[in-house]
Full PDB file with SEQRES, HELIX, SHEET, SSBOND, CRYST1, ORIGX, SCALE, CONECT and MASTER records, all heavy atoms in Angstrom:
SEQRES   1 A   36  GLU VAL VAL ARG TRP ILE GLU VAL PRO GLN GLU GLY GLN          
SEQRES   2 A   36  GLU GLU PRO ASP THR PRO ALA PRO VAL LEU LYS LEU SER          
SEQRES   3 A   36  ALA ALA GLU ASP ASP ALA HIS GLY ALA SER                      
HELIX    1 AA1 ALA A   32  ALA A   35  1                                   4    
CRYST1    1.000    1.000    1.000  90.00  90.00  90.00 P 1           1          
ORIGX1      1.000000  0.000000  0.000000        0.00000                         
ORIGX2      0.000000  1.000000  0.000000        0.00000                         
ORIGX3      0.000000  0.000000  1.000000        0.00000                         
SCALE1      1.000000  0.000000  0.000000        0.00000                         
SCALE2      0.000000  1.000000  0.000000        0.00000                         
SCALE3      0.000000  0.000000  1.000000        0.00000                         
ATOM      1  N   GLU A   1     -88.764   9.657-106.513  1.00  0.00           N  
ATOM      2  CA  GLU A   1     -88.134   9.338-107.788  1.00  0.00           C  
ATOM      3  C   GLU A   1     -86.738   9.959-107.830  1.00  0.00           C  
ATOM      4  O   GLU A   1     -86.537  11.100-107.382  1.00  0.00           O  
ATOM      5  CB  GLU A   1     -88.974   9.860-108.951  1.00  0.00           C  
ATOM      6  CG  GLU A   1     -88.355   9.579-110.317  1.00  0.00           C  
ATOM      7  CD  GLU A   1     -89.130  10.232-111.461  1.00  0.00           C  
ATOM      8  OE1 GLU A   1     -90.133  10.909-111.172  1.00  0.00           O  
ATOM      9  OE2 GLU A   1     -88.697  10.064-112.621  1.00  0.00           O  
ATOM     10  N   VAL A   2     -85.779   9.235-108.391  1.00  0.00           N  
ATOM     11  CA  VAL A   2     -84.400   9.704-108.476  1.00  0.00           C  
ATOM     12  C   VAL A   2     -83.952   9.654-109.926  1.00  0.00           C  
ATOM     13  O   VAL A   2     -84.107   8.637-110.604  1.00  0.00           O  
ATOM     14  CB  VAL A   2     -83.457   8.832-107.601  1.00  0.00           C  
ATOM     15  CG1 VAL A   2     -82.004   9.282-107.800  1.00  0.00           C  
ATOM     16  CG2 VAL A   2     -83.843   8.919-106.140  1.00  0.00           C  
ATOM     17  N   VAL A   3     -83.407  10.775-110.401  1.00  0.00           N  
ATOM     18  CA  VAL A   3     -82.853  10.848-111.757  1.00  0.00           C  
ATOM     19  C   VAL A   3     -81.358  11.114-111.646  1.00  0.00           C  
ATOM     20  O   VAL A   3     -80.939  12.089-111.022  1.00  0.00           O  
ATOM     21  CB  VAL A   3     -83.545  11.949-112.586  1.00  0.00           C  
ATOM     22  CG1 VAL A   3     -82.976  11.959-113.998  1.00  0.00           C  
ATOM     23  CG2 VAL A   3     -85.051  11.734-112.623  1.00  0.00           C  
ATOM     24  N   ARG A   4     -80.578  10.262-112.276  1.00  0.00           N  
ATOM     25  CA  ARG A   4     -79.121  10.388-112.203  1.00  0.00           C  
ATOM     26  C   ARG A   4     -78.588  11.011-113.510  1.00  0.00           C  
ATOM     27  O   ARG A   4     -78.582  10.362-114.558  1.00  0.00           O  
ATOM     28  CB  ARG A   4     -78.488   9.003-111.973  1.00  0.00           C  
ATOM     29  CG  ARG A   4     -78.974   8.328-110.705  1.00  0.00           C  
ATOM     30  CD  ARG A   4     -78.370   6.944-110.524  1.00  0.00           C  
ATOM     31  NE  ARG A   4     -78.883   6.287-109.344  1.00  0.00           N  
ATOM     32  CZ  ARG A   4     -78.402   6.472-108.113  1.00  0.00           C  
ATOM     33  NH1 ARG A   4     -77.347   7.285-107.927  1.00  0.00           N  
ATOM     34  NH2 ARG A   4     -78.926   5.849-107.086  1.00  0.00           N  
ATOM     35  N   TRP A   5     -78.141  12.241-113.395  1.00  0.00           N  
ATOM     36  CA  TRP A   5     -77.567  12.938-114.538  1.00  0.00           C  
ATOM     37  C   TRP A   5     -76.061  12.692-114.525  1.00  0.00           C  
ATOM     38  O   TRP A   5     -75.274  13.535-114.087  1.00  0.00           O  
ATOM     39  CB  TRP A   5     -77.880  14.433-114.447  1.00  0.00           C  
ATOM     40  CG  TRP A   5     -79.347  14.726-114.316  1.00  0.00           C  
ATOM     41  CD1 TRP A   5     -80.039  15.015-113.177  1.00  0.00           C  
ATOM     42  CD2 TRP A   5     -80.298  14.767-115.389  1.00  0.00           C  
ATOM     43  NE1 TRP A   5     -81.363  15.214-113.460  1.00  0.00           N  
ATOM     44  CE2 TRP A   5     -81.551  15.069-114.818  1.00  0.00           C  
ATOM     45  CE3 TRP A   5     -80.216  14.575-116.768  1.00  0.00           C  
ATOM     46  CZ2 TRP A   5     -82.723  15.195-115.558  1.00  0.00           C  
ATOM     47  CZ3 TRP A   5     -81.371  14.689-117.519  1.00  0.00           C  
ATOM     48  CH2 TRP A   5     -82.605  14.994-116.919  1.00  0.00           C  
ATOM     49  N   ILE A   6     -75.663  11.522-115.031  1.00  0.00           N  
ATOM     50  CA  ILE A   6     -74.271  11.084-114.865  1.00  0.00           C  
ATOM     51  C   ILE A   6     -73.623  10.637-116.167  1.00  0.00           C  
ATOM     52  O   ILE A   6     -72.430  10.288-116.172  1.00  0.00           O  
ATOM     53  CB  ILE A   6     -74.177   9.957-113.837  1.00  0.00           C  
ATOM     54  CG1 ILE A   6     -74.995   8.748-114.288  1.00  0.00           C  
ATOM     55  CG2 ILE A   6     -74.644  10.434-112.457  1.00  0.00           C  
ATOM     56  CD1 ILE A   6     -74.853   7.524-113.378  1.00  0.00           C  
ATOM     57  N   GLU A   7     -74.351  10.647-117.276  1.00  0.00           N  
ATOM     58  CA  GLU A   7     -73.764  10.202-118.543  1.00  0.00           C  
ATOM     59  C   GLU A   7     -72.925  11.337-119.139  1.00  0.00           C  
ATOM     60  O   GLU A   7     -73.418  12.452-119.315  1.00  0.00           O  
ATOM     61  CB  GLU A   7     -74.852   9.781-119.521  1.00  0.00           C  
ATOM     62  CG  GLU A   7     -75.652   8.577-119.064  1.00  0.00           C  
ATOM     63  CD  GLU A   7     -76.700   8.175-120.090  1.00  0.00           C  
ATOM     64  OE1 GLU A   7     -76.382   7.396-121.005  1.00  0.00           O  
ATOM     65  OE2 GLU A   7     -77.851   8.671-119.989  1.00  0.00           O  
ATOM     66  N   VAL A   8     -71.679  11.019-119.467  1.00  0.00           N  
ATOM     67  CA  VAL A   8     -70.764  12.041-119.992  1.00  0.00           C  
ATOM     68  C   VAL A   8     -70.969  12.172-121.505  1.00  0.00           C  
ATOM     69  O   VAL A   8     -70.794  11.210-122.248  1.00  0.00           O  
ATOM     70  CB  VAL A   8     -69.305  11.671-119.702  1.00  0.00           C  
ATOM     71  CG1 VAL A   8     -68.360  12.742-120.250  1.00  0.00           C  
ATOM     72  CG2 VAL A   8     -69.101  11.492-118.198  1.00  0.00           C  
ATOM     73  N   PRO A   9     -71.355  13.358-121.975  1.00  0.00           N  
ATOM     74  CA  PRO A   9     -71.529  13.561-123.425  1.00  0.00           C  
ATOM     75  C   PRO A   9     -70.210  13.389-124.159  1.00  0.00           C  
ATOM     76  O   PRO A   9     -69.158  13.821-123.689  1.00  0.00           O  
ATOM     77  CB  PRO A   9     -72.040  15.001-123.521  1.00  0.00           C  
ATOM     78  CG  PRO A   9     -72.573  15.325-122.167  1.00  0.00           C  
ATOM     79  CD  PRO A   9     -71.728  14.553-121.211  1.00  0.00           C  
ATOM     80  N   GLN A  10     -70.271  12.735-125.318  1.00  0.00           N  
ATOM     81  CA  GLN A  10     -69.087  12.502-126.132  1.00  0.00           C  
ATOM     82  C   GLN A  10     -69.157  13.328-127.407  1.00  0.00           C  
ATOM     83  O   GLN A  10     -70.210  13.418-128.039  1.00  0.00           O  
ATOM     84  CB  GLN A  10     -68.961  11.018-126.497  1.00  0.00           C  
ATOM     85  CG  GLN A  10     -68.873  10.082-125.291  1.00  0.00           C  
ATOM     86  CD  GLN A  10     -67.640  10.325-124.441  1.00  0.00           C  
ATOM     87  OE1 GLN A  10     -66.576  10.682-124.962  1.00  0.00           O  
ATOM     88  NE2 GLN A  10     -67.763  10.128-123.131  1.00  0.00           N  
ATOM     89  N   GLU A  11     -68.029  13.962-127.751  1.00  0.00           N  
ATOM     90  CA  GLU A  11     -67.995  14.798-128.938  1.00  0.00           C  
ATOM     91  C   GLU A  11     -68.275  13.986-130.197  1.00  0.00           C  
ATOM     92  O   GLU A  11     -67.745  12.879-130.383  1.00  0.00           O  
ATOM     93  CB  GLU A  11     -66.626  15.482-129.057  1.00  0.00           C  
ATOM     94  CG  GLU A  11     -66.554  16.522-130.157  1.00  0.00           C  
ATOM     95  CD  GLU A  11     -65.224  17.246-130.166  1.00  0.00           C  
ATOM     96  OE1 GLU A  11     -64.393  16.979-129.279  1.00  0.00           O  
ATOM     97  OE2 GLU A  11     -65.017  18.057-131.089  1.00  0.00           O  
ATOM     98  N   GLY A  12     -69.138  14.509-131.048  1.00  0.00           N  
ATOM     99  CA  GLY A  12     -69.477  13.827-132.285  1.00  0.00           C  
ATOM    100  C   GLY A  12     -70.586  12.813-132.145  1.00  0.00           C  
ATOM    101  O   GLY A  12     -70.994  12.190-133.143  1.00  0.00           O  
ATOM    102  N   GLN A  13     -71.100  12.659-130.918  1.00  0.00           N  
ATOM    103  CA  GLN A  13     -72.200  11.704-130.692  1.00  0.00           C  
ATOM    104  C   GLN A  13     -73.434  12.433-130.197  1.00  0.00           C  
ATOM    105  O   GLN A  13     -73.347  13.565-129.704  1.00  0.00           O  
ATOM    106  CB  GLN A  13     -71.781  10.629-129.681  1.00  0.00           C  
ATOM    107  CG  GLN A  13     -70.612   9.775-130.132  1.00  0.00           C  
ATOM    108  CD  GLN A  13     -70.275   8.696-129.125  1.00  0.00           C  
ATOM    109  OE1 GLN A  13     -71.019   8.424-128.182  1.00  0.00           O  
ATOM    110  NE2 GLN A  13     -69.131   8.043-129.344  1.00  0.00           N  
ATOM    111  N   GLU A  14     -74.592  11.772-130.302  1.00  0.00           N  
ATOM    112  CA  GLU A  14     -75.825  12.374-129.823  1.00  0.00           C  
ATOM    113  C   GLU A  14     -75.783  12.511-128.301  1.00  0.00           C  
ATOM    114  O   GLU A  14     -75.118  11.745-127.599  1.00  0.00           O  
ATOM    115  CB  GLU A  14     -77.012  11.505-130.230  1.00  0.00           C  
ATOM    116  CG  GLU A  14     -77.280  11.482-131.726  1.00  0.00           C  
ATOM    117  CD  GLU A  14     -78.532  10.700-132.066  1.00  0.00           C  
ATOM    118  OE1 GLU A  14     -79.184  10.188-131.125  1.00  0.00           O  
ATOM    119  OE2 GLU A  14     -78.850  10.602-133.260  1.00  0.00           O  
ATOM    120  N   GLU A  15     -76.497  13.508-127.820  1.00  0.00           N  
ATOM    121  CA  GLU A  15     -76.538  13.729-126.381  1.00  0.00           C  
ATOM    122  C   GLU A  15     -77.250  12.558-125.706  1.00  0.00           C  
ATOM    123  O   GLU A  15     -78.300  12.120-126.151  1.00  0.00           O  
ATOM    124  CB  GLU A  15     -77.281  15.033-126.072  1.00  0.00           C  
ATOM    125  CG  GLU A  15     -77.269  15.390-124.605  1.00  0.00           C  
ATOM    126  CD  GLU A  15     -77.965  16.713-124.332  1.00  0.00           C  
ATOM    127  OE1 GLU A  15     -79.212  16.747-124.471  1.00  0.00           O  
ATOM    128  OE2 GLU A  15     -77.293  17.697-123.995  1.00  0.00           O  
ATOM    129  N   PRO A  16     -76.684  12.043-124.619  1.00  0.00           N  
ATOM    130  CA  PRO A  16     -77.330  10.927-123.923  1.00  0.00           C  
ATOM    131  C   PRO A  16     -78.640  11.355-123.270  1.00  0.00           C  
ATOM    132  O   PRO A  16     -78.936  12.540-123.156  1.00  0.00           O  
ATOM    133  CB  PRO A  16     -76.281  10.510-122.879  1.00  0.00           C  
ATOM    134  CG  PRO A  16     -75.417  11.731-122.701  1.00  0.00           C  
ATOM    135  CD  PRO A  16     -75.394  12.418-124.013  1.00  0.00           C  
ATOM    136  N   ASP A  17     -79.396  10.375-122.826  1.00  0.00           N  
ATOM    137  CA  ASP A  17     -80.693  10.659-122.222  1.00  0.00           C  
ATOM    138  C   ASP A  17     -80.564  11.417-120.908  1.00  0.00           C  
ATOM    139  O   ASP A  17     -81.396  12.288-120.595  1.00  0.00           O  
ATOM    140  CB  ASP A  17     -81.456   9.351-121.985  1.00  0.00           C  
ATOM    141  CG  ASP A  17     -81.837   8.660-123.287  1.00  0.00           C  
ATOM    142  OD1 ASP A  17     -81.964   9.376-124.297  1.00  0.00           O  
ATOM    143  OD2 ASP A  17     -81.995   7.426-123.284  1.00  0.00           O  
ATOM    144  N   THR A  18     -79.557  11.090-120.132  1.00  0.00           N  
ATOM    145  CA  THR A  18     -79.365  11.764-118.847  1.00  0.00           C  
ATOM    146  C   THR A  18     -77.938  12.310-118.772  1.00  0.00           C  
ATOM    147  O   THR A  18     -77.090  11.772-118.042  1.00  0.00           O  
ATOM    148  CB  THR A  18     -79.620  10.797-117.665  1.00  0.00           C  
ATOM    149  OG1 THR A  18     -78.808   9.619-117.855  1.00  0.00           O  
ATOM    150  CG2 THR A  18     -81.082  10.398-117.608  1.00  0.00           C  
ATOM    151  N   PRO A  19     -77.664  13.379-119.520  1.00  0.00           N  
ATOM    152  CA  PRO A  19     -76.293  13.916-119.567  1.00  0.00           C  
ATOM    153  C   PRO A  19     -75.878  14.575-118.264  1.00  0.00           C  
ATOM    154  O   PRO A  19     -76.685  15.200-117.566  1.00  0.00           O  
ATOM    155  CB  PRO A  19     -76.363  14.934-120.694  1.00  0.00           C  
ATOM    156  CG  PRO A  19     -77.794  15.387-120.704  1.00  0.00           C  
ATOM    157  CD  PRO A  19     -78.597  14.179-120.326  1.00  0.00           C  
ATOM    158  N   ALA A  20     -74.608  14.446-117.945  1.00  0.00           N  
ATOM    159  CA  ALA A  20     -74.059  15.101-116.774  1.00  0.00           C  
ATOM    160  C   ALA A  20     -73.778  16.576-117.096  1.00  0.00           C  
ATOM    161  O   ALA A  20     -73.476  16.915-118.242  1.00  0.00           O  
ATOM    162  CB  ALA A  20     -72.756  14.424-116.340  1.00  0.00           C  
ATOM    163  N   PRO A  21     -73.876  17.468-116.115  1.00  0.00           N  
ATOM    164  CA  PRO A  21     -73.525  18.868-116.351  1.00  0.00           C  
ATOM    165  C   PRO A  21     -72.041  18.996-116.701  1.00  0.00           C  
ATOM    166  O   PRO A  21     -71.190  18.408-116.022  1.00  0.00           O  
ATOM    167  CB  PRO A  21     -73.830  19.535-115.011  1.00  0.00           C  
ATOM    168  CG  PRO A  21     -74.808  18.636-114.334  1.00  0.00           C  
ATOM    169  CD  PRO A  21     -74.441  17.254-114.763  1.00  0.00           C  
ATOM    170  N   VAL A  22     -71.751  19.758-117.748  1.00  0.00           N  
ATOM    171  CA  VAL A  22     -70.367  19.932-118.215  1.00  0.00           C  
ATOM    172  C   VAL A  22     -70.047  21.425-118.252  1.00  0.00           C  
ATOM    173  O   VAL A  22     -70.777  22.202-118.873  1.00  0.00           O  
ATOM    174  CB  VAL A  22     -70.148  19.318-119.603  1.00  0.00           C  
ATOM    175  CG1 VAL A  22     -68.724  19.594-120.099  1.00  0.00           C  
ATOM    176  CG2 VAL A  22     -70.418  17.821-119.564  1.00  0.00           C  
ATOM    177  N   LEU A  23     -68.967  21.810-117.598  1.00  0.00           N  
ATOM    178  CA  LEU A  23     -68.507  23.202-117.594  1.00  0.00           C  
ATOM    179  C   LEU A  23     -67.366  23.359-118.588  1.00  0.00           C  
ATOM    180  O   LEU A  23     -66.292  22.768-118.415  1.00  0.00           O  
ATOM    181  CB  LEU A  23     -68.046  23.602-116.193  1.00  0.00           C  
ATOM    182  CG  LEU A  23     -67.467  25.017-116.058  1.00  0.00           C  
ATOM    183  CD1 LEU A  23     -68.534  26.075-116.317  1.00  0.00           C  
ATOM    184  CD2 LEU A  23     -66.840  25.222-114.683  1.00  0.00           C  
ATOM    185  N   LYS A  24     -67.571  24.167-119.617  1.00  0.00           N  
ATOM    186  CA  LYS A  24     -66.531  24.452-120.602  1.00  0.00           C  
ATOM    187  C   LYS A  24     -65.588  25.517-120.064  1.00  0.00           C  
ATOM    188  O   LYS A  24     -66.036  26.559-119.551  1.00  0.00           O  
ATOM    189  CB  LYS A  24     -67.147  24.906-121.918  1.00  0.00           C  
ATOM    190  CG  LYS A  24     -68.089  23.895-122.555  1.00  0.00           C  
ATOM    191  CD  LYS A  24     -67.349  22.667-123.050  1.00  0.00           C  
ATOM    192  CE  LYS A  24     -68.288  21.707-123.789  1.00  0.00           C  
ATOM    193  NZ  LYS A  24     -67.565  20.498-124.269  1.00  0.00           N  
ATOM    194  N   LEU A  25     -64.281  25.287-120.195  1.00  0.00           N  
ATOM    195  CA  LEU A  25     -63.279  26.237-119.708  1.00  0.00           C  
ATOM    196  C   LEU A  25     -62.730  27.052-120.869  1.00  0.00           C  
ATOM    197  O   LEU A  25     -62.432  26.512-121.936  1.00  0.00           O  
ATOM    198  CB  LEU A  25     -62.147  25.517-118.998  1.00  0.00           C  
ATOM    199  CG  LEU A  25     -62.548  24.615-117.832  1.00  0.00           C  
ATOM    200  CD1 LEU A  25     -61.306  23.988-117.199  1.00  0.00           C  
ATOM    201  CD2 LEU A  25     -63.341  25.393-116.788  1.00  0.00           C  
ATOM    202  N   SER A  26     -62.596  28.350-120.656  1.00  0.00           N  
ATOM    203  CA  SER A  26     -62.041  29.228-121.685  1.00  0.00           C  
ATOM    204  C   SER A  26     -60.543  29.367-121.507  1.00  0.00           C  
ATOM    205  O   SER A  26     -59.962  28.898-120.517  1.00  0.00           O  
ATOM    206  CB  SER A  26     -62.706  30.607-121.618  1.00  0.00           C  
ATOM    207  OG  SER A  26     -62.517  31.191-120.336  1.00  0.00           O  
ATOM    208  N   ALA A  27     -59.884  30.013-122.466  1.00  0.00           N  
ATOM    209  CA  ALA A  27     -58.438  30.194-122.404  1.00  0.00           C  
ATOM    210  C   ALA A  27     -58.054  31.011-121.193  1.00  0.00           C  
ATOM    211  O   ALA A  27     -58.819  31.843-120.706  1.00  0.00           O  
ATOM    212  CB  ALA A  27     -57.950  30.867-123.687  1.00  0.00           C  
ATOM    213  N   ALA A  28     -56.853  30.752-120.690  1.00  0.00           N  
ATOM    214  CA  ALA A  28     -56.368  31.457-119.499  1.00  0.00           C  
ATOM    215  C   ALA A  28     -56.264  32.946-119.772  1.00  0.00           C  
ATOM    216  O   ALA A  28     -55.853  33.372-120.847  1.00  0.00           O  
ATOM    217  CB  ALA A  28     -55.005  30.903-119.078  1.00  0.00           C  
ATOM    218  N   GLU A  29     -56.653  33.734-118.791  1.00  0.00           N  
ATOM    219  CA  GLU A  29     -56.577  35.186-118.905  1.00  0.00           C  
ATOM    220  C   GLU A  29     -55.219  35.661-118.430  1.00  0.00           C  
ATOM    221  O   GLU A  29     -54.482  34.923-117.762  1.00  0.00           O  
ATOM    222  CB  GLU A  29     -57.690  35.846-118.082  1.00  0.00           C  
ATOM    223  CG  GLU A  29     -59.097  35.498-118.571  1.00  0.00           C  
ATOM    224  CD  GLU A  29     -60.163  36.150-117.734  1.00  0.00           C  
ATOM    225  OE1 GLU A  29     -59.826  36.606-116.609  1.00  0.00           O  
ATOM    226  OE2 GLU A  29     -61.336  36.197-118.179  1.00  0.00           O  
ATOM    227  N   ASP A  30     -54.886  36.940-118.738  1.00  0.00           N  
ATOM    228  CA  ASP A  30     -53.607  37.515-118.305  1.00  0.00           C  
ATOM    229  C   ASP A  30     -53.556  37.525-116.794  1.00  0.00           C  
ATOM    230  O   ASP A  30     -54.529  37.822-116.118  1.00  0.00           O  
ATOM    231  CB  ASP A  30     -53.455  38.959-118.831  1.00  0.00           C  
ATOM    232  CG  ASP A  30     -53.297  38.976-120.335  1.00  0.00           C  
ATOM    233  OD1 ASP A  30     -52.859  37.947-120.895  1.00  0.00           O  
ATOM    234  OD2 ASP A  30     -53.609  40.012-120.953  1.00  0.00           O  
ATOM    235  N   ASP A  31     -52.336  37.214-116.280  1.00  0.00           N  
ATOM    236  CA  ASP A  31     -52.153  37.194-114.834  1.00  0.00           C  
ATOM    237  C   ASP A  31     -52.298  38.583-114.254  1.00  0.00           C  
ATOM    238  O   ASP A  31     -51.827  39.572-114.809  1.00  0.00           O  
ATOM    239  CB  ASP A  31     -50.753  36.647-114.506  1.00  0.00           C  
ATOM    240  CG  ASP A  31     -50.561  36.459-113.015  1.00  0.00           C  
ATOM    241  OD1 ASP A  31     -50.945  35.406-112.513  1.00  0.00           O  
ATOM    242  OD2 ASP A  31     -50.013  37.384-112.378  1.00  0.00           O  
ATOM    243  N   ALA A  32     -52.971  38.656-113.120  1.00  0.00           N  
ATOM    244  CA  ALA A  32     -53.213  39.959-112.496  1.00  0.00           C  
ATOM    245  C   ALA A  32     -51.905  40.632-112.117  1.00  0.00           C  
ATOM    246  O   ALA A  32     -51.742  41.833-112.218  1.00  0.00           O  
ATOM    247  CB  ALA A  32     -54.100  39.791-111.266  1.00  0.00           C  
ATOM    248  N   HIS A  33     -50.942  39.798-111.635  1.00  0.00           N  
ATOM    249  CA  HIS A  33     -49.655  40.379-111.250  1.00  0.00           C  
ATOM    250  C   HIS A  33     -48.943  40.941-112.479  1.00  0.00           C  
ATOM    251  O   HIS A  33     -48.283  41.977-112.407  1.00  0.00           O  
ATOM    252  CB  HIS A  33     -48.794  39.325-110.572  1.00  0.00           C  
ATOM    253  CG  HIS A  33     -49.376  38.825-109.292  1.00  0.00           C  
ATOM    254  ND1 HIS A  33     -49.460  39.612-108.156  1.00  0.00           N  
ATOM    255  CD2 HIS A  33     -49.941  37.634-108.956  1.00  0.00           C  
ATOM    256  CE1 HIS A  33     -50.009  38.911-107.184  1.00  0.00           C  
ATOM    257  NE2 HIS A  33     -50.343  37.726-107.640  1.00  0.00           N  
ATOM    258  N   GLY A  34     -49.088  40.252-113.599  1.00  0.00           N  
ATOM    259  CA  GLY A  34     -48.475  40.734-114.831  1.00  0.00           C  
ATOM    260  C   GLY A  34     -49.070  42.060-115.239  1.00  0.00           C  
ATOM    261  O   GLY A  34     -48.384  42.978-115.664  1.00  0.00           O  
ATOM    262  N   ALA A  35     -50.392  42.176-115.076  1.00  0.00           N  
ATOM    263  CA  ALA A  35     -51.046  43.434-115.418  1.00  0.00           C  
ATOM    264  C   ALA A  35     -50.553  44.538-114.502  1.00  0.00           C  
ATOM    265  O   ALA A  35     -50.303  45.664-114.918  1.00  0.00           O  
ATOM    266  CB  ALA A  35     -52.571  43.280-115.288  1.00  0.00           C  
ATOM    267  N   SER A  36     -50.369  44.213-113.213  1.00  0.00           N  
ATOM    268  CA  SER A  36     -49.881  45.210-112.276  1.00  0.00           C  
ATOM    269  C   SER A  36     -48.477  45.648-112.659  1.00  0.00           C  
ATOM    270  O   SER A  36     -48.110  46.815-112.562  1.00  0.00           O  
ATOM    271  CB  SER A  36     -49.880  44.652-110.855  1.00  0.00           C  
ATOM    272  OG  SER A  36     -51.196  44.298-110.473  1.00  0.00           O  
TER     273      SER A  36                                                      
MASTER        0    0    0    1    0    0    0    6  272    1    0    3          
END                                                                             
């Protein structure tokens, strides 16, 4: 059996039956060189 988790969730809509994994990105951190 094969399950395809490929449906892209849309904001403001119900989650699809087979949603794709989504990685949320946070705000950029201070540059290491800047800290140095």
